[in-house]
Amino acid sequence: MLSLVLGCLDLKQAMRCRSVCVKWAAVRASMPRLVVRNHHRLAYFISAVVPRQVSTLELRSIQFTTTLLATLSEVETLHLNTWMAGENVLVPTLWPALCTVVMHKLNEADDLSWLRALHYLRCLDVAFLFLKETHLINIGVLTSLQTLKIASSCMSKTGASALSSLVSLTSLDIGDNQELDDETLASLRTLTSLRTLEANALPLVTDAGVAALAALPKLQYLDLRLTKITGTTLERLTALKILVLRYCDQLTDGLRLPPALEQLDLSFSRHVTAQSAQRFASISTLREVNVTGCFSRKVLDSVRASLPLLAKFEPSLR
């Protein structure tokens, strides 16, 4: 993929060198990605060099008005990383066809209300940002969203309840938000199109929250690493195919796996017993298991012998 980084060049010399336009003429019609870094003398360079067909635009530490980029009318994916305060409200006007927005930093005055005007928005990534309840309310009205990444955002339980209206979501990442609990997972029952859920590093989540996920008929991928589940309610997730349970220290004899499971990661869940592992043999669809750091040599040999149909078995000694 070809990238053009503006701001790393000496634009003063570039503007004097007419040949720069000739050098880029061959790629004007096919350059898919543009990265714009901090520089205020871009009007000529953009109009002379940048193709109109840029589909991915990344703005880094921008200190000039974004109207200079208005000619890039076909942008579909936008990465925002610190630019002039108040400029975000111009985004829907400049690039109305945006399908994906990735935000790396958030201005203090930005409440994300401008996202409402992006009628084609399908993917939003606001992970690792500090989100207040106002932000989540404005995200909650984006009912056409299909993918939402909101991990490590200091999201509160109250704010998380706003996500229950995103009925078109197929993929959701809410990991590493320390306040979220079983009630939060229960509030996701309305997201019946959900196929992928990353709910890792949620220390308040237990088997009760997992049981509520049985209301999601299309859920196929679930990441519950670093949670407090014992695994007694996992068998209710009848459509689940991929399950990640790394570092789940509460998993013991009670582990009951989904009946259609194909891939299982139990690595470093150190209290999983041989008795639980023997039940793996009853799942005819299971093809990949990772039990790294789980069993002693004796137990490991026993587990391997009970699973002759596995295509991939990844063990190592504790």
C-alpha atoms as a PDB file:
ATOM      1  CA  MET A   1       0.000   0.000   0.000  1.00  0.00           C
ATOM      2  CA  LEU A   2       1.394   3.355  -0.994  1.00  0.00           C
ATOM      3  CA  SER A   3       1.473   6.129   1.590  1.00  0.00           C
ATOM      4  CA  LEU A   4       2.321   9.789   1.177  1.00  0.00           C
ATOM      5  CA  VAL A   5       3.511  11.503   4.340  1.00  0.00           C
ATOM      6  CA  LEU A   6       3.199  15.288   4.203  1.00  0.00           C
ATOM      7  CA  GLY A   7       5.129  17.267   6.774  1.00  0.00           C
ATOM      8  CA  CYS A   8       8.157  14.991   6.773  1.00  0.00           C
ATOM      9  CA  LEU A   9       9.150  16.612   3.472  1.00  0.00           C
ATOM     10  CA  ASP A  10      10.707  20.073   3.065  1.00  0.00           C
ATOM     11  CA  LEU A  11       7.602  21.615   1.521  1.00  0.00           C
ATOM     12  CA  LYS A  12       9.372  24.899   0.791  1.00  0.00           C
ATOM     13  CA  GLN A  13      11.777  23.114  -1.514  1.00  0.00           C
ATOM     14  CA  ALA A  14       9.076  20.792  -2.800  1.00  0.00           C
ATOM     15  CA  MET A  15       6.977  23.733  -3.939  1.00  0.00           C
ATOM     16  CA  ARG A  16       9.942  25.152  -5.833  1.00  0.00           C
ATOM     17  CA  CYS A  17      10.588  21.835  -7.521  1.00  0.00           C
ATOM     18  CA  ARG A  18       8.028  21.517 -10.296  1.00  0.00           C
ATOM     19  CA  SER A  19       9.234  17.998 -11.029  1.00  0.00           C
ATOM     20  CA  VAL A  20       7.570  16.782  -7.845  1.00  0.00           C
ATOM     21  CA  CYS A  21       4.240  16.933  -9.676  1.00  0.00           C
ATOM     22  CA  VAL A  22       5.671  14.880 -12.509  1.00  0.00           C
ATOM     23  CA  LYS A  23       7.036  12.260 -10.126  1.00  0.00           C
ATOM     24  CA  TRP A  24       3.627  11.771  -8.531  1.00  0.00           C
ATOM     25  CA  ALA A  25       1.621  11.952 -11.738  1.00  0.00           C
ATOM     26  CA  ALA A  26       1.806   8.196 -12.235  1.00  0.00           C
ATOM     27  CA  VAL A  27       0.278   7.419  -8.845  1.00  0.00           C
ATOM     28  CA  ARG A  28      -2.310  10.192  -8.636  1.00  0.00           C
ATOM     29  CA  ALA A  29      -5.125   7.922  -9.737  1.00  0.00           C
ATOM     30  CA  SER A  30      -4.280   4.961  -7.518  1.00  0.00           C
ATOM     31  CA  MET A  31      -2.897   6.209  -4.182  1.00  0.00           C
ATOM     32  CA  PRO A  32      -5.286   4.793  -1.548  1.00  0.00           C
ATOM     33  CA  ARG A  33      -3.849   6.246   1.660  1.00  0.00           C
ATOM     34  CA  LEU A  34      -2.733   9.729   2.667  1.00  0.00           C
ATOM     35  CA  VAL A  35      -1.033  10.667   5.939  1.00  0.00           C
ATOM     36  CA  VAL A  36      -0.974  14.393   6.736  1.00  0.00           C
ATOM     37  CA  ARG A  37       1.300  15.535   9.547  1.00  0.00           C
ATOM     38  CA  ASN A  38       1.780  18.902  11.184  1.00  0.00           C
ATOM     39  CA  HIS A  39       2.351  21.590   8.551  1.00  0.00           C
ATOM     40  CA  HIS A  40       0.332  24.645   7.565  1.00  0.00           C
ATOM     41  CA  ARG A  41       1.603  25.191   3.999  1.00  0.00           C
ATOM     42  CA  LEU A  42      -0.271  22.403   2.275  1.00  0.00           C
ATOM     43  CA  ALA A  43      -2.757  24.076  -0.067  1.00  0.00           C
ATOM     44  CA  TYR A  44      -0.526  23.985  -3.152  1.00  0.00           C
ATOM     45  CA  PHE A  45       0.936  20.583  -2.421  1.00  0.00           C
ATOM     46  CA  ILE A  46      -2.446  18.923  -1.971  1.00  0.00           C
ATOM     47  CA  SER A  47      -3.972  20.479  -5.077  1.00  0.00           C
ATOM     48  CA  ALA A  48      -0.927  19.650  -7.213  1.00  0.00           C
ATOM     49  CA  VAL A  49       0.034  16.211  -5.970  1.00  0.00           C
ATOM     50  CA  VAL A  50      -2.699  14.432  -4.063  1.00  0.00           C
ATOM     51  CA  PRO A  51      -5.152  12.320  -6.068  1.00  0.00           C
ATOM     52  CA  ARG A  52      -8.851  12.846  -5.495  1.00  0.00           C
ATOM     53  CA  GLN A  53      -9.371   9.097  -5.078  1.00  0.00           C
ATOM     54  CA  VAL A  54      -7.722   8.844  -1.651  1.00  0.00           C
ATOM     55  CA  SER A  55      -9.856   6.407   0.336  1.00  0.00           C
ATOM     56  CA  THR A  56      -7.978   6.483   3.666  1.00  0.00           C
ATOM     57  CA  LEU A  57      -6.926   9.743   5.289  1.00  0.00           C
ATOM     58  CA  GLU A  58      -4.871  10.044   8.480  1.00  0.00           C
ATOM     59  CA  LEU A  59      -4.535  13.444  10.153  1.00  0.00           C
ATOM     60  CA  ARG A  60      -1.766  13.826  12.730  1.00  0.00           C
ATOM     61  CA  SER A  61      -1.318  16.939  14.892  1.00  0.00           C
ATOM     62  CA  ILE A  62      -2.927  19.210  12.330  1.00  0.00           C
ATOM     63  CA  GLN A  63      -2.584  22.962  12.928  1.00  0.00           C
ATOM     64  CA  PHE A  64      -4.390  24.238   9.830  1.00  0.00           C
ATOM     65  CA  THR A  65      -8.034  24.389   8.840  1.00  0.00           C
ATOM     66  CA  THR A  66      -9.280  21.146   7.312  1.00  0.00           C
ATOM     67  CA  THR A  67     -11.086  22.935   4.502  1.00  0.00           C
ATOM     68  CA  LEU A  68      -7.731  22.672   2.682  1.00  0.00           C
ATOM     69  CA  LEU A  69      -8.508  18.965   2.392  1.00  0.00           C
ATOM     70  CA  ALA A  70     -12.003  19.448   0.966  1.00  0.00           C
ATOM     71  CA  THR A  71     -10.899  18.237  -2.465  1.00  0.00           C
ATOM     72  CA  LEU A  72     -10.462  14.721  -1.058  1.00  0.00           C
ATOM     73  CA  SER A  73     -14.136  14.013  -1.497  1.00  0.00           C
ATOM     74  CA  GLU A  74     -13.917  10.212  -1.735  1.00  0.00           C
ATOM     75  CA  VAL A  75     -12.413   9.503   1.688  1.00  0.00           C
ATOM     76  CA  GLU A  76     -14.070   6.474   3.325  1.00  0.00           C
ATOM     77  CA  THR A  77     -11.729   5.861   6.271  1.00  0.00           C
ATOM     78  CA  LEU A  78     -10.548   8.661   8.558  1.00  0.00           C
ATOM     79  CA  HIS A  79      -7.912   8.481  11.316  1.00  0.00           C
ATOM     80  CA  LEU A  80      -7.905  11.482  13.672  1.00  0.00           C
ATOM     81  CA  ASN A  81      -4.923  12.200  15.899  1.00  0.00           C
ATOM     82  CA  THR A  82      -5.005  15.698  17.452  1.00  0.00           C
ATOM     83  CA  TRP A  83      -6.014  18.599  15.261  1.00  0.00           C
ATOM     84  CA  MET A  84      -7.478  22.048  15.709  1.00  0.00           C
ATOM     85  CA  ALA A  85     -10.195  22.301  18.356  1.00  0.00           C
ATOM     86  CA  GLY A  86     -13.626  22.551  16.784  1.00  0.00           C
ATOM     87  CA  GLU A  87     -12.544  21.148  13.421  1.00  0.00           C
ATOM     88  CA  ASN A  88     -14.262  17.782  13.985  1.00  0.00           C
ATOM     89  CA  VAL A  89     -17.665  19.333  13.330  1.00  0.00           C
ATOM     90  CA  LEU A  90     -16.544  19.901   9.733  1.00  0.00           C
ATOM     91  CA  VAL A  91     -15.976  16.199   9.103  1.00  0.00           C
ATOM     92  CA  PRO A  92     -19.519  15.300   7.899  1.00  0.00           C
ATOM     93  CA  THR A  93     -19.456  18.199   5.441  1.00  0.00           C
ATOM     94  CA  LEU A  94     -15.976  17.472   4.095  1.00  0.00           C
ATOM     95  CA  TRP A  95     -16.308  13.696   3.858  1.00  0.00           C
ATOM     96  CA  PRO A  96     -19.980  12.684   3.922  1.00  0.00           C
ATOM     97  CA  ALA A  97     -19.255   9.183   2.609  1.00  0.00           C
ATOM     98  CA  LEU A  98     -17.151   8.125   5.611  1.00  0.00           C
ATOM     99  CA  CYS A  99     -17.628   4.481   6.562  1.00  0.00           C
ATOM    100  CA  THR A 100     -14.886   4.198   9.192  1.00  0.00           C
ATOM    101  CA  VAL A 101     -13.615   6.632  11.833  1.00  0.00           C
ATOM    102  CA  VAL A 102     -10.642   5.852  14.068  1.00  0.00           C
ATOM    103  CA  MET A 103      -9.894   8.371  16.819  1.00  0.00           C
ATOM    104  CA  HIS A 104      -6.492   8.291  18.493  1.00  0.00           C
ATOM    105  CA  LYS A 105      -6.993  11.386  20.638  1.00  0.00           C
ATOM    106  CA  LEU A 106     -10.012  13.382  21.769  1.00  0.00           C
ATOM    107  CA  ASN A 107     -10.197  17.122  22.282  1.00  0.00           C
ATOM    108  CA  GLU A 108     -11.679  18.090  25.633  1.00  0.00           C
ATOM    109  CA  ALA A 109     -14.531  20.059  24.056  1.00  0.00           C
ATOM    110  CA  ASP A 110     -15.478  17.307  21.591  1.00  0.00           C
ATOM    111  CA  ASP A 111     -18.653  15.469  22.647  1.00  0.00           C
ATOM    112  CA  LEU A 112     -18.716  13.343  19.442  1.00  0.00           C
ATOM    113  CA  SER A 113     -22.123  14.731  18.454  1.00  0.00           C
ATOM    114  CA  TRP A 114     -20.790  15.341  14.918  1.00  0.00           C
ATOM    115  CA  LEU A 115     -20.763  11.569  14.374  1.00  0.00           C
ATOM    116  CA  ARG A 116     -24.559  11.676  14.094  1.00  0.00           C
ATOM    117  CA  ALA A 117     -24.304  13.402  10.709  1.00  0.00           C
ATOM    118  CA  LEU A 118     -22.237  10.544   9.201  1.00  0.00           C
ATOM    119  CA  HIS A 119     -25.074   8.546   7.694  1.00  0.00           C
ATOM    120  CA  TYR A 120     -22.824   5.880   6.153  1.00  0.00           C
ATOM    121  CA  LEU A 121     -20.705   5.253   9.249  1.00  0.00           C
ATOM    122  CA  ARG A 122     -20.337   1.529   9.871  1.00  0.00           C
ATOM    123  CA  CYS A 123     -17.144   1.235  11.940  1.00  0.00           C
ATOM    124  CA  LEU A 124     -16.051   3.380  14.911  1.00  0.00           C
ATOM    125  CA  ASP A 125     -12.855   2.923  16.909  1.00  0.00           C
ATOM    126  CA  VAL A 126     -12.588   5.048  20.075  1.00  0.00           C
ATOM    127  CA  ALA A 127     -10.537   2.585  22.113  1.00  0.00           C
ATOM    128  CA  PHE A 128      -8.086   3.949  24.692  1.00  0.00           C
ATOM    129  CA  LEU A 129      -9.873   7.303  24.930  1.00  0.00           C
ATOM    130  CA  PHE A 130     -11.411   8.674  28.119  1.00  0.00           C
ATOM    131  CA  LEU A 131     -15.133   8.620  27.340  1.00  0.00           C
ATOM    132  CA  LYS A 132     -17.764  10.357  29.415  1.00  0.00           C
ATOM    133  CA  GLU A 133     -21.453   9.521  29.541  1.00  0.00           C
ATOM    134  CA  THR A 134     -22.170  12.272  26.984  1.00  0.00           C
ATOM    135  CA  HIS A 135     -19.828  10.615  24.496  1.00  0.00           C
ATOM    136  CA  LEU A 136     -21.528   7.258  24.938  1.00  0.00           C
ATOM    137  CA  ILE A 137     -24.991   8.752  24.509  1.00  0.00           C
ATOM    138  CA  ASN A 138     -23.935  10.235  21.172  1.00  0.00           C
ATOM    139  CA  ILE A 139     -22.451   6.906  20.131  1.00  0.00           C
ATOM    140  CA  GLY A 140     -25.617   5.129  21.212  1.00  0.00           C
ATOM    141  CA  VAL A 141     -27.709   6.843  18.524  1.00  0.00           C
ATOM    142  CA  LEU A 142     -25.516   5.492  15.695  1.00  0.00           C
ATOM    143  CA  THR A 143     -27.879   2.617  15.021  1.00  0.00           C
ATOM    144  CA  SER A 144     -26.247   1.715  11.693  1.00  0.00           C
ATOM    145  CA  LEU A 145     -22.876   0.913  13.301  1.00  0.00           C
ATOM    146  CA  GLN A 146     -21.654  -2.614  12.615  1.00  0.00           C
ATOM    147  CA  THR A 147     -18.278  -2.503  14.400  1.00  0.00           C
ATOM    148  CA  LEU A 148     -17.487  -0.642  17.626  1.00  0.00           C
ATOM    149  CA  LYS A 149     -14.157  -0.694  19.459  1.00  0.00           C
ATOM    150  CA  ILE A 150     -14.474   0.961  22.828  1.00  0.00           C
ATOM    151  CA  ALA A 151     -11.925  -0.925  24.935  1.00  0.00           C
ATOM    152  CA  SER A 152      -9.924   0.755  27.706  1.00  0.00           C
ATOM    153  CA  SER A 153     -12.138   3.844  27.637  1.00  0.00           C
ATOM    154  CA  CYS A 154     -12.924   4.120  31.371  1.00  0.00           C
ATOM    155  CA  MET A 155     -16.554   3.414  30.469  1.00  0.00           C
ATOM    156  CA  SER A 156     -19.019   3.426  33.348  1.00  0.00           C
ATOM    157  CA  LYS A 157     -21.933   1.023  33.799  1.00  0.00           C
ATOM    158  CA  THR A 158     -24.391   3.845  33.186  1.00  0.00           C
ATOM    159  CA  GLY A 159     -22.639   4.903  30.021  1.00  0.00           C
ATOM    160  CA  ALA A 160     -22.435   1.336  28.749  1.00  0.00           C
ATOM    161  CA  SER A 161     -26.210   1.013  28.875  1.00  0.00           C
ATOM    162  CA  ALA A 162     -26.378   3.403  25.896  1.00  0.00           C
ATOM    163  CA  LEU A 163     -24.861   0.684  23.701  1.00  0.00           C
ATOM    164  CA  SER A 164     -27.975  -1.487  23.935  1.00  0.00           C
ATOM    165  CA  SER A 165     -29.604   0.498  21.115  1.00  0.00           C
ATOM    166  CA  LEU A 166     -26.890  -0.410  18.570  1.00  0.00           C
ATOM    167  CA  VAL A 167     -28.911  -3.266  17.137  1.00  0.00           C
ATOM    168  CA  SER A 168     -26.907  -3.510  13.891  1.00  0.00           C
ATOM    169  CA  LEU A 169     -23.607  -4.300  15.632  1.00  0.00           C
ATOM    170  CA  THR A 170     -21.851  -7.464  14.500  1.00  0.00           C
ATOM    171  CA  SER A 171     -18.575  -6.816  16.364  1.00  0.00           C
ATOM    172  CA  LEU A 172     -18.073  -5.167  19.768  1.00  0.00           C
ATOM    173  CA  ASP A 173     -14.955  -4.687  21.907  1.00  0.00           C
ATOM    174  CA  ILE A 174     -15.617  -3.473  25.475  1.00  0.00           C
ATOM    175  CA  GLY A 175     -12.529  -5.006  27.084  1.00  0.00           C
ATOM    176  CA  ASP A 176     -10.520  -3.534  29.951  1.00  0.00           C
ATOM    177  CA  ASN A 177     -13.275  -1.316  31.356  1.00  0.00           C
ATOM    178  CA  GLN A 178     -13.014  -2.042  35.058  1.00  0.00           C
ATOM    179  CA  GLU A 179     -16.542  -0.956  36.090  1.00  0.00           C
ATOM    180  CA  LEU A 180     -18.403  -3.222  33.680  1.00  0.00           C
ATOM    181  CA  ASP A 181     -20.055  -6.286  35.214  1.00  0.00           C
ATOM    182  CA  ASP A 182     -22.730  -8.950  34.687  1.00  0.00           C
ATOM    183  CA  GLU A 183     -25.434  -6.302  34.410  1.00  0.00           C
ATOM    184  CA  THR A 184     -23.508  -4.742  31.527  1.00  0.00           C
ATOM    185  CA  LEU A 185     -23.357  -8.044  29.630  1.00  0.00           C
ATOM    186  CA  ALA A 186     -27.052  -8.558  30.276  1.00  0.00           C
ATOM    187  CA  SER A 187     -27.790  -5.179  28.685  1.00  0.00           C
ATOM    188  CA  LEU A 188     -26.245  -6.453  25.440  1.00  0.00           C
ATOM    189  CA  ARG A 189     -29.053  -8.971  24.916  1.00  0.00           C
ATOM    190  CA  THR A 190     -30.706  -6.598  22.460  1.00  0.00           C
ATOM    191  CA  LEU A 191     -27.718  -6.864  20.073  1.00  0.00           C
ATOM    192  CA  THR A 192     -29.031  -9.953  18.334  1.00  0.00           C
ATOM    193  CA  SER A 193     -26.826  -9.482  15.248  1.00  0.00           C
ATOM    194  CA  LEU A 194     -23.631  -9.647  17.301  1.00  0.00           C
ATOM    195  CA  ARG A 195     -21.097 -12.214  16.052  1.00  0.00           C
ATOM    196  CA  THR A 196     -17.931 -11.108  17.843  1.00  0.00           C
ATOM    197  CA  LEU A 197     -17.657  -9.917  21.447  1.00  0.00           C
ATOM    198  CA  GLU A 198     -14.436  -9.019  23.225  1.00  0.00           C
ATOM    199  CA  ALA A 199     -15.210  -8.742  26.929  1.00  0.00           C
ATOM    200  CA  ASN A 200     -11.723  -9.419  28.283  1.00  0.00           C
ATOM    201  CA  ALA A 201     -10.115  -7.949  31.397  1.00  0.00           C
ATOM    202  CA  LEU A 202     -13.478  -7.305  33.069  1.00  0.00           C
ATOM    203  CA  PRO A 203     -12.794  -8.440  36.652  1.00  0.00           C
ATOM    204  CA  LEU A 204     -16.438  -8.083  37.757  1.00  0.00           C
ATOM    205  CA  VAL A 205     -17.857 -10.440  35.109  1.00  0.00           C
ATOM    206  CA  THR A 206     -19.006 -13.866  36.335  1.00  0.00           C
ATOM    207  CA  ASP A 207     -21.034 -16.822  35.048  1.00  0.00           C
ATOM    208  CA  ALA A 208     -24.266 -14.866  35.453  1.00  0.00           C
ATOM    209  CA  GLY A 209     -23.157 -12.379  32.814  1.00  0.00           C
ATOM    210  CA  VAL A 210     -22.142 -15.177  30.458  1.00  0.00           C
ATOM    211  CA  ALA A 211     -25.555 -16.793  30.852  1.00  0.00           C
ATOM    212  CA  ALA A 212     -27.184 -13.579  29.622  1.00  0.00           C
ATOM    213  CA  LEU A 213     -25.206 -13.835  26.373  1.00  0.00           C
ATOM    214  CA  ALA A 214     -27.236 -16.921  25.463  1.00  0.00           C
ATOM    215  CA  ALA A 215     -29.774 -14.441  24.086  1.00  0.00           C
ATOM    216  CA  LEU A 216     -27.359 -13.654  21.229  1.00  0.00           C
ATOM    217  CA  PRO A 217     -28.172 -16.311  18.603  1.00  0.00           C
ATOM    218  CA  LYS A 218     -25.362 -15.365  16.175  1.00  0.00           C
ATOM    219  CA  LEU A 219     -22.481 -15.009  18.645  1.00  0.00           C
ATOM    220  CA  GLN A 220     -19.539 -17.012  17.280  1.00  0.00           C
ATOM    221  CA  TYR A 221     -16.447 -15.432  18.868  1.00  0.00           C
ATOM    222  CA  LEU A 222     -16.129 -14.613  22.567  1.00  0.00           C
ATOM    223  CA  ASP A 223     -13.069 -13.399  24.465  1.00  0.00           C
ATOM    224  CA  LEU A 224     -13.418 -13.666  28.257  1.00  0.00           C
ATOM    225  CA  ARG A 225      -9.776 -13.705  29.290  1.00  0.00           C
ATOM    226  CA  LEU A 226      -8.993 -12.271  32.722  1.00  0.00           C
ATOM    227  CA  THR A 227     -12.556 -12.560  34.038  1.00  0.00           C
ATOM    228  CA  LYS A 228     -13.988 -14.326  37.103  1.00  0.00           C
ATOM    229  CA  ILE A 229     -16.038 -16.983  35.311  1.00  0.00           C
ATOM    230  CA  THR A 230     -15.987 -20.634  36.375  1.00  0.00           C
ATOM    231  CA  GLY A 231     -17.397 -21.817  33.041  1.00  0.00           C
ATOM    232  CA  THR A 232     -20.606 -23.404  34.303  1.00  0.00           C
ATOM    233  CA  THR A 233     -22.855 -21.438  31.921  1.00  0.00           C
ATOM    234  CA  LEU A 234     -20.738 -21.464  28.756  1.00  0.00           C
ATOM    235  CA  GLU A 235     -22.611 -24.472  27.343  1.00  0.00           C
ATOM    236  CA  ARG A 236     -25.665 -22.236  26.843  1.00  0.00           C
ATOM    237  CA  LEU A 237     -23.871 -20.385  24.027  1.00  0.00           C
ATOM    238  CA  THR A 238     -24.952 -22.852  21.380  1.00  0.00           C
ATOM    239  CA  ALA A 239     -23.679 -20.943  18.322  1.00  0.00           C
ATOM    240  CA  LEU A 240     -20.200 -20.174  19.717  1.00  0.00           C
ATOM    241  CA  LYS A 241     -17.255 -21.416  17.625  1.00  0.00           C
ATOM    242  CA  ILE A 242     -14.209 -19.629  19.086  1.00  0.00           C
ATOM    243  CA  LEU A 243     -13.701 -19.125  22.833  1.00  0.00           C
ATOM    244  CA  VAL A 244     -10.772 -17.407  24.572  1.00  0.00           C
ATOM    245  CA  LEU A 245     -10.388 -18.115  28.306  1.00  0.00           C
ATOM    246  CA  ARG A 246      -6.755 -17.184  28.927  1.00  0.00           C
ATOM    247  CA  TYR A 247      -5.747 -16.403  32.513  1.00  0.00           C
ATOM    248  CA  CYS A 248      -9.152 -17.295  33.966  1.00  0.00           C
ATOM    249  CA  ASP A 249      -8.114 -18.460  37.425  1.00  0.00           C
ATOM    250  CA  GLN A 250     -11.622 -19.441  38.531  1.00  0.00           C
ATOM    251  CA  LEU A 251     -11.967 -22.218  35.939  1.00  0.00           C
ATOM    252  CA  THR A 252     -11.974 -25.589  37.716  1.00  0.00           C
ATOM    253  CA  ASP A 253     -14.157 -28.720  37.597  1.00  0.00           C
ATOM    254  CA  GLY A 254     -17.266 -26.776  36.604  1.00  0.00           C
ATOM    255  CA  LEU A 255     -16.124 -25.932  33.069  1.00  0.00           C
ATOM    256  CA  ARG A 256     -18.855 -26.748  30.531  1.00  0.00           C
ATOM    257  CA  LEU A 257     -18.077 -25.878  26.921  1.00  0.00           C
ATOM    258  CA  PRO A 258     -20.427 -24.789  24.097  1.00  0.00           C
ATOM    259  CA  PRO A 259     -21.562 -27.770  21.981  1.00  0.00           C
ATOM    260  CA  ALA A 260     -20.480 -26.344  18.582  1.00  0.00           C
ATOM    261  CA  LEU A 261     -17.058 -25.058  19.676  1.00  0.00           C
ATOM    262  CA  GLU A 262     -14.209 -25.275  17.126  1.00  0.00           C
ATOM    263  CA  GLN A 263     -11.338 -23.370  18.782  1.00  0.00           C
ATOM    264  CA  LEU A 264     -10.532 -23.069  22.494  1.00  0.00           C
ATOM    265  CA  ASP A 265      -7.772 -21.123  24.231  1.00  0.00           C
ATOM    266  CA  LEU A 266      -7.313 -22.049  27.901  1.00  0.00           C
ATOM    267  CA  SER A 267      -3.680 -21.029  28.172  1.00  0.00           C
ATOM    268  CA  PHE A 268      -2.466 -20.118  31.655  1.00  0.00           C
ATOM    269  CA  SER A 269      -5.824 -20.850  33.264  1.00  0.00           C
ATOM    270  CA  ARG A 270      -3.914 -22.819  35.852  1.00  0.00           C
ATOM    271  CA  HIS A 271      -6.770 -24.374  37.814  1.00  0.00           C
ATOM    272  CA  VAL A 272      -8.472 -26.213  34.958  1.00  0.00           C
ATOM    273  CA  THR A 273      -8.642 -29.860  36.027  1.00  0.00           C
ATOM    274  CA  ALA A 274      -8.147 -33.067  34.069  1.00  0.00           C
ATOM    275  CA  GLN A 275     -11.785 -33.892  34.786  1.00  0.00           C
ATOM    276  CA  SER A 276     -12.889 -30.795  32.894  1.00  0.00           C
ATOM    277  CA  ALA A 277     -10.444 -31.496  30.085  1.00  0.00           C
ATOM    278  CA  GLN A 278     -11.837 -34.994  29.558  1.00  0.00           C
ATOM    279  CA  ARG A 279     -15.167 -33.431  28.582  1.00  0.00           C
ATOM    280  CA  PHE A 280     -13.520 -31.910  25.504  1.00  0.00           C
ATOM    281  CA  ALA A 281     -13.870 -35.301  23.812  1.00  0.00           C
ATOM    282  CA  SER A 282     -17.654 -34.944  23.726  1.00  0.00           C
ATOM    283  CA  ILE A 283     -17.427 -31.937  21.405  1.00  0.00           C
ATOM    284  CA  SER A 284     -17.085 -33.412  17.925  1.00  0.00           C
ATOM    285  CA  THR A 285     -16.504 -30.029  16.273  1.00  0.00           C
ATOM    286  CA  LEU A 286     -13.458 -29.101  18.409  1.00  0.00           C
ATOM    287  CA  ARG A 287     -10.319 -28.827  16.247  1.00  0.00           C
ATOM    288  CA  GLU A 288      -7.915 -26.451  18.031  1.00  0.00           C
ATOM    289  CA  VAL A 289      -7.059 -26.311  21.727  1.00  0.00           C
ATOM    290  CA  ASN A 290      -4.391 -24.290  23.511  1.00  0.00           C
ATOM    291  CA  VAL A 291      -3.669 -25.480  27.057  1.00  0.00           C
ATOM    292  CA  THR A 292      -0.235 -23.885  27.447  1.00  0.00           C
ATOM    293  CA  GLY A 293       0.636 -23.545  31.117  1.00  0.00           C
ATOM    294  CA  CYS A 294      -2.346 -25.557  32.343  1.00  0.00           C
ATOM    295  CA  PHE A 295      -1.308 -29.161  33.071  1.00  0.00           C
ATOM    296  CA  SER A 296       1.485 -31.359  34.319  1.00  0.00           C
ATOM    297  CA  ARG A 297       3.062 -33.917  31.961  1.00  0.00           C
ATOM    298  CA  LYS A 298       0.892 -36.778  33.198  1.00  0.00           C
ATOM    299  CA  VAL A 299      -2.376 -34.892  32.810  1.00  0.00           C
ATOM    300  CA  LEU A 300      -1.242 -33.470  29.477  1.00  0.00           C
ATOM    301  CA  ASP A 301      -0.685 -36.929  28.013  1.00  0.00           C
ATOM    302  CA  SER A 302      -4.108 -38.007  29.223  1.00  0.00           C
ATOM    303  CA  VAL A 303      -5.817 -34.995  27.651  1.00  0.00           C
ATOM    304  CA  ARG A 304      -4.017 -35.467  24.354  1.00  0.00           C
ATOM    305  CA  ALA A 305      -5.024 -39.139  24.214  1.00  0.00           C
ATOM    306  CA  SER A 306      -8.683 -38.254  24.685  1.00  0.00           C
ATOM    307  CA  LEU A 307      -8.655 -35.852  21.733  1.00  0.00           C
ATOM    308  CA  PRO A 308      -7.371 -37.843  18.731  1.00  0.00           C
ATOM    309  CA  LEU A 309      -9.277 -35.757  16.179  1.00  0.00           C
ATOM    310  CA  LEU A 310      -7.691 -32.431  17.063  1.00  0.00           C
ATOM    311  CA  ALA A 311      -5.953 -30.713  14.164  1.00  0.00           C
ATOM    312  CA  LYS A 312      -3.952 -28.471  16.496  1.00  0.00           C
ATOM    313  CA  PHE A 313      -3.007 -29.018  20.129  1.00  0.00           C
ATOM    314  CA  GLU A 314      -0.704 -26.515  21.813  1.00  0.00           C
ATOM    315  CA  PRO A 315       0.567 -27.560  25.218  1.00  0.00           C
ATOM    316  CA  SER A 316       3.571 -26.737  27.331  1.00  0.00           C
ATOM    317  CA  LEU A 317       4.439 -27.695  30.869  1.00  0.00           C
ATOM    318  CA  ARG A 318       3.428 -25.581  33.814  1.00  0.00           C
END
